[in-house]
């Protein structure tokens, strides 16, 4: 994404300069301004995060896949209908899906760090999980340890076979 600080200030101004009023017993109050920006749980938060930030993460994921840096999970039985799924997004939640490989783990970690730097948002690594589906426990322990040794928890869903 790489939005310049001037652009980010415009977005923040559009959020903090909005004014509204409230009806109390069918009587309108005086107008007041929102002054704290967007926070998790705000009504506008999923809208802005999805359109502005999650779109940037989507573009980063697509670029990594098209550049053969990140390999999604292959789904579909027929050769004509097979496709790789690399990620799914809904509002401000993202699920990464990939083949089991150290390269995918390194690329994903680098992408999430880059996403934080570019977007000025923080990935909540404490709410992020590493999920295994038909993958040896020893590999999962090694993968989790490799990520934690860099001080980062891992947001990753790894599928090998269903």
C-alpha atoms as a PDB file:
ATOM      1  CA  UNK A   1       0.000   0.000   0.000  1.00  0.00           C
ATOM      2  CA  UNK A   2       2.579   2.610   1.026  1.00  0.00           C
ATOM      3  CA  UNK A   3       0.138   5.445   1.637  1.00  0.00           C
ATOM      4  CA  UNK A   4       1.940   8.752   2.249  1.00  0.00           C
ATOM      5  CA  UNK A   5       1.408  10.485   5.583  1.00  0.00           C
ATOM      6  CA  UNK A   6      -0.522  13.303   3.860  1.00  0.00           C
ATOM      7  CA  UNK A   7      -3.011  10.780   2.442  1.00  0.00           C
ATOM      8  CA  UNK A   8      -3.377   9.082   5.858  1.00  0.00           C
ATOM      9  CA  UNK A   9      -4.062  12.512   7.410  1.00  0.00           C
ATOM     10  CA  UNK A  10      -6.838  13.111   4.855  1.00  0.00           C
ATOM     11  CA  UNK A  11      -8.471   9.805   5.788  1.00  0.00           C
ATOM     12  CA  UNK A  12      -8.131  10.550   9.500  1.00  0.00           C
ATOM     13  CA  UNK A  13      -9.632  14.008   8.950  1.00  0.00           C
ATOM     14  CA  UNK A  14     -12.592  12.492   7.121  1.00  0.00           C
ATOM     15  CA  UNK A  15     -13.217  10.235  10.110  1.00  0.00           C
ATOM     16  CA  UNK A  16     -12.610  12.739  12.907  1.00  0.00           C
ATOM     17  CA  UNK A  17     -14.349  15.711  11.273  1.00  0.00           C
ATOM     18  CA  UNK A  18     -17.696  13.962  10.959  1.00  0.00           C
ATOM     19  CA  UNK A  19     -20.358  15.458  13.188  1.00  0.00           C
ATOM     20  CA  UNK A  20     -23.621  13.971  14.331  1.00  0.00           C
ATOM     21  CA  UNK A  21     -26.466  14.460  16.747  1.00  0.00           C
ATOM     22  CA  UNK A  22     -28.485  12.081  18.866  1.00  0.00           C
ATOM     23  CA  UNK A  23     -32.214  11.953  19.494  1.00  0.00           C
ATOM     24  CA  UNK A  24     -33.021  11.879  23.215  1.00  0.00           C
ATOM     25  CA  UNK A  25     -36.742  11.500  23.924  1.00  0.00           C
ATOM     26  CA  UNK A  26     -37.428  12.542  20.319  1.00  0.00           C
ATOM     27  CA  UNK A  27     -35.443  15.775  20.818  1.00  0.00           C
ATOM     28  CA  UNK A  28     -32.169  16.300  18.927  1.00  0.00           C
ATOM     29  CA  UNK A  29     -29.064  17.122  20.937  1.00  0.00           C
ATOM     30  CA  UNK A  30     -26.489  19.651  19.798  1.00  0.00           C
ATOM     31  CA  UNK A  31     -24.166  18.396  17.071  1.00  0.00           C
ATOM     32  CA  UNK A  32     -20.891  16.922  18.239  1.00  0.00           C
ATOM     33  CA  UNK A  33     -17.765  15.665  16.481  1.00  0.00           C
ATOM     34  CA  UNK A  34     -16.078  12.316  16.676  1.00  0.00           C
ATOM     35  CA  UNK A  35     -12.569  12.958  17.897  1.00  0.00           C
ATOM     36  CA  UNK A  36     -10.845   9.642  18.454  1.00  0.00           C
ATOM     37  CA  UNK A  37     -10.700   8.083  14.992  1.00  0.00           C
ATOM     38  CA  UNK A  38     -11.537   4.440  14.362  1.00  0.00           C
ATOM     39  CA  UNK A  39     -11.164   1.737  16.956  1.00  0.00           C
ATOM     40  CA  UNK A  40     -11.906  -1.976  16.888  1.00  0.00           C
ATOM     41  CA  UNK A  41     -15.629  -2.427  17.404  1.00  0.00           C
ATOM     42  CA  UNK A  42     -16.621   0.941  15.913  1.00  0.00           C
ATOM     43  CA  UNK A  43     -19.406   0.715  13.366  1.00  0.00           C
ATOM     44  CA  UNK A  44     -17.230   2.225  10.623  1.00  0.00           C
ATOM     45  CA  UNK A  45     -14.126   0.259  11.586  1.00  0.00           C
ATOM     46  CA  UNK A  46     -14.756  -2.904   9.509  1.00  0.00           C
ATOM     47  CA  UNK A  47     -15.725  -0.765   6.511  1.00  0.00           C
ATOM     48  CA  UNK A  48     -12.584   1.382   6.584  1.00  0.00           C
ATOM     49  CA  UNK A  49     -10.253  -1.450   7.546  1.00  0.00           C
ATOM     50  CA  UNK A  50     -11.589  -3.708   4.821  1.00  0.00           C
ATOM     51  CA  UNK A  51     -11.516  -1.092   2.083  1.00  0.00           C
ATOM     52  CA  UNK A  52      -8.252   0.581   3.008  1.00  0.00           C
ATOM     53  CA  UNK A  53      -6.030  -1.849   4.878  1.00  0.00           C
ATOM     54  CA  UNK A  54      -7.313  -5.324   4.060  1.00  0.00           C
ATOM     55  CA  UNK A  55      -7.291  -4.460   0.364  1.00  0.00           C
ATOM     56  CA  UNK A  56      -3.594  -3.670   0.710  1.00  0.00           C
ATOM     57  CA  UNK A  57      -2.933  -7.023   2.355  1.00  0.00           C
ATOM     58  CA  UNK A  58      -4.936  -8.695  -0.424  1.00  0.00           C
ATOM     59  CA  UNK A  59      -2.755  -7.018  -3.070  1.00  0.00           C
ATOM     60  CA  UNK A  60       0.404  -8.084  -1.226  1.00  0.00           C
ATOM     61  CA  UNK A  61      -0.796 -11.698  -1.063  1.00  0.00           C
ATOM     62  CA  UNK A  62      -1.749 -11.745  -4.750  1.00  0.00           C
ATOM     63  CA  UNK A  63       1.659 -10.309  -5.691  1.00  0.00           C
ATOM     64  CA  UNK A  64       3.460 -12.950  -3.619  1.00  0.00           C
ATOM     65  CA  UNK A  65       1.402 -15.727  -5.232  1.00  0.00           C
ATOM     66  CA  UNK A  66       1.811 -14.431  -8.789  1.00  0.00           C
ATOM     67  CA  UNK A  67       5.554 -13.991  -8.209  1.00  0.00           C
ATOM     68  CA  UNK A  68       5.825 -17.614  -7.016  1.00  0.00           C
ATOM     69  CA  UNK A  69       7.008 -16.439  -3.604  1.00  0.00           C
ATOM     70  CA  UNK A  70       4.005 -17.875  -1.749  1.00  0.00           C
ATOM     71  CA  UNK A  71       2.173 -21.066  -2.671  1.00  0.00           C
ATOM     72  CA  UNK A  72      -1.495 -21.401  -1.769  1.00  0.00           C
ATOM     73  CA  UNK A  73      -3.288 -24.675  -1.179  1.00  0.00           C
ATOM     74  CA  UNK A  74      -4.501 -26.534  -4.282  1.00  0.00           C
ATOM     75  CA  UNK A  75      -8.221 -27.374  -4.213  1.00  0.00           C
ATOM     76  CA  UNK A  76     -10.437 -29.200  -6.704  1.00  0.00           C
ATOM     77  CA  UNK A  77     -10.569 -32.729  -8.075  1.00  0.00           C
ATOM     78  CA  UNK A  78     -10.698 -32.079 -11.811  1.00  0.00           C
ATOM     79  CA  UNK A  79      -7.593 -30.653 -13.453  1.00  0.00           C
ATOM     80  CA  UNK A  80      -9.812 -28.136 -15.266  1.00  0.00           C
ATOM     81  CA  UNK A  81     -11.315 -26.826 -12.043  1.00  0.00           C
ATOM     82  CA  UNK A  82      -8.287 -26.809  -9.732  1.00  0.00           C
ATOM     83  CA  UNK A  83      -7.144 -23.566  -8.174  1.00  0.00           C
ATOM     84  CA  UNK A  84      -4.801 -22.386  -5.452  1.00  0.00           C
ATOM     85  CA  UNK A  85      -6.354 -20.621  -2.471  1.00  0.00           C
ATOM     86  CA  UNK A  86      -3.892 -18.408  -0.616  1.00  0.00           C
ATOM     87  CA  UNK A  87      -6.123 -16.340   1.654  1.00  0.00           C
ATOM     88  CA  UNK A  88      -9.693 -15.515   2.599  1.00  0.00           C
ATOM     89  CA  UNK A  89     -10.813 -12.157   3.996  1.00  0.00           C
ATOM     90  CA  UNK A  90     -13.918 -10.939   5.780  1.00  0.00           C
ATOM     91  CA  UNK A  91     -14.070  -7.422   7.227  1.00  0.00           C
ATOM     92  CA  UNK A  92     -10.880  -7.123   9.288  1.00  0.00           C
ATOM     93  CA  UNK A  93     -10.153 -10.865   9.565  1.00  0.00           C
ATOM     94  CA  UNK A  94      -7.785 -12.712   7.247  1.00  0.00           C
ATOM     95  CA  UNK A  95      -7.125 -16.438   6.966  1.00  0.00           C
ATOM     96  CA  UNK A  96      -3.889 -17.447   5.228  1.00  0.00           C
ATOM     97  CA  UNK A  97      -3.898 -20.894   3.584  1.00  0.00           C
ATOM     98  CA  UNK A  98      -0.819 -22.505   2.096  1.00  0.00           C
ATOM     99  CA  UNK A  99       1.217 -25.589   1.360  1.00  0.00           C
ATOM    100  CA  UNK A 100       3.587 -26.837   4.028  1.00  0.00           C
ATOM    101  CA  UNK A 101       6.959 -25.203   3.353  1.00  0.00           C
ATOM    102  CA  UNK A 102       9.570 -23.146   5.173  1.00  0.00           C
ATOM    103  CA  UNK A 103       9.559 -20.739   2.232  1.00  0.00           C
ATOM    104  CA  UNK A 104       5.866 -19.998   2.769  1.00  0.00           C
ATOM    105  CA  UNK A 105       6.448 -19.362   6.473  1.00  0.00           C
ATOM    106  CA  UNK A 106       9.312 -16.941   5.781  1.00  0.00           C
ATOM    107  CA  UNK A 107       7.353 -15.084   3.085  1.00  0.00           C
ATOM    108  CA  UNK A 108       4.233 -14.861   5.242  1.00  0.00           C
ATOM    109  CA  UNK A 109       6.199 -13.527   8.205  1.00  0.00           C
ATOM    110  CA  UNK A 110       7.920 -10.935   6.020  1.00  0.00           C
ATOM    111  CA  UNK A 111       4.594  -9.915   4.450  1.00  0.00           C
ATOM    112  CA  UNK A 112       2.900  -9.395   7.814  1.00  0.00           C
ATOM    113  CA  UNK A 113       5.811  -7.305   9.091  1.00  0.00           C
ATOM    114  CA  UNK A 114       5.805  -5.283   5.864  1.00  0.00           C
ATOM    115  CA  UNK A 115       2.021  -4.867   6.127  1.00  0.00           C
ATOM    116  CA  UNK A 116       2.425  -3.413   9.625  1.00  0.00           C
ATOM    117  CA  UNK A 117       5.083  -0.974   8.451  1.00  0.00           C
ATOM    118  CA  UNK A 118       3.176   0.135   5.371  1.00  0.00           C
ATOM    119  CA  UNK A 119      -0.315   0.385   6.845  1.00  0.00           C
ATOM    120  CA  UNK A 120       0.576   1.732  10.294  1.00  0.00           C
ATOM    121  CA  UNK A 121      -1.658  -1.030  11.726  1.00  0.00           C
ATOM    122  CA  UNK A 122      -0.632  -3.809  14.076  1.00  0.00           C
ATOM    123  CA  UNK A 123      -1.308  -7.470  13.406  1.00  0.00           C
ATOM    124  CA  UNK A 124      -2.642  -8.927  16.658  1.00  0.00           C
ATOM    125  CA  UNK A 125      -0.248 -11.854  16.947  1.00  0.00           C
ATOM    126  CA  UNK A 126      -1.703 -12.789  20.349  1.00  0.00           C
ATOM    127  CA  UNK A 127      -5.028 -13.588  18.654  1.00  0.00           C
ATOM    128  CA  UNK A 128      -3.302 -15.284  15.713  1.00  0.00           C
ATOM    129  CA  UNK A 129      -2.946 -19.037  15.575  1.00  0.00           C
ATOM    130  CA  UNK A 130      -1.062 -21.743  13.731  1.00  0.00           C
ATOM    131  CA  UNK A 131      -3.432 -24.505  12.651  1.00  0.00           C
ATOM    132  CA  UNK A 132      -2.342 -27.825  11.223  1.00  0.00           C
ATOM    133  CA  UNK A 133      -4.338 -30.210   9.139  1.00  0.00           C
ATOM    134  CA  UNK A 134      -2.709 -33.600   8.561  1.00  0.00           C
ATOM    135  CA  UNK A 135       0.802 -32.277   9.183  1.00  0.00           C
ATOM    136  CA  UNK A 136       3.292 -33.920  11.541  1.00  0.00           C
ATOM    137  CA  UNK A 137       3.302 -32.409  15.029  1.00  0.00           C
ATOM    138  CA  UNK A 138       7.100 -32.171  14.989  1.00  0.00           C
ATOM    139  CA  UNK A 139       7.019 -29.919  11.913  1.00  0.00           C
ATOM    140  CA  UNK A 140       4.389 -27.682  13.519  1.00  0.00           C
ATOM    141  CA  UNK A 141       6.448 -27.346  16.715  1.00  0.00           C
ATOM    142  CA  UNK A 142       9.525 -26.423  14.658  1.00  0.00           C
ATOM    143  CA  UNK A 143       7.503 -23.896  12.624  1.00  0.00           C
ATOM    144  CA  UNK A 144       6.001 -22.279  15.720  1.00  0.00           C
ATOM    145  CA  UNK A 145       9.413 -22.158  17.433  1.00  0.00           C
ATOM    146  CA  UNK A 146      11.049 -20.595  14.373  1.00  0.00           C
ATOM    147  CA  UNK A 147       8.478 -17.805  14.389  1.00  0.00           C
ATOM    148  CA  UNK A 148       8.590 -17.227  18.143  1.00  0.00           C
ATOM    149  CA  UNK A 149      12.386 -17.061  18.141  1.00  0.00           C
ATOM    150  CA  UNK A 150      12.008 -13.848  16.138  1.00  0.00           C
ATOM    151  CA  UNK A 151       9.550 -12.526  18.724  1.00  0.00           C
ATOM    152  CA  UNK A 152       6.528 -12.951  16.482  1.00  0.00           C
ATOM    153  CA  UNK A 153       3.539 -15.259  16.741  1.00  0.00           C
ATOM    154  CA  UNK A 154       2.308 -16.737  13.519  1.00  0.00           C
ATOM    155  CA  UNK A 155      -0.959 -16.188  11.691  1.00  0.00           C
ATOM    156  CA  UNK A 156      -1.096 -19.157   9.383  1.00  0.00           C
ATOM    157  CA  UNK A 157      -3.426 -21.926   8.384  1.00  0.00           C
ATOM    158  CA  UNK A 158      -1.562 -24.738   6.740  1.00  0.00           C
ATOM    159  CA  UNK A 159      -3.353 -27.452   4.825  1.00  0.00           C
ATOM    160  CA  UNK A 160      -1.634 -30.416   3.258  1.00  0.00           C
ATOM    161  CA  UNK A 161      -4.331 -32.945   2.452  1.00  0.00           C
ATOM    162  CA  UNK A 162      -7.966 -33.363   3.332  1.00  0.00           C
END
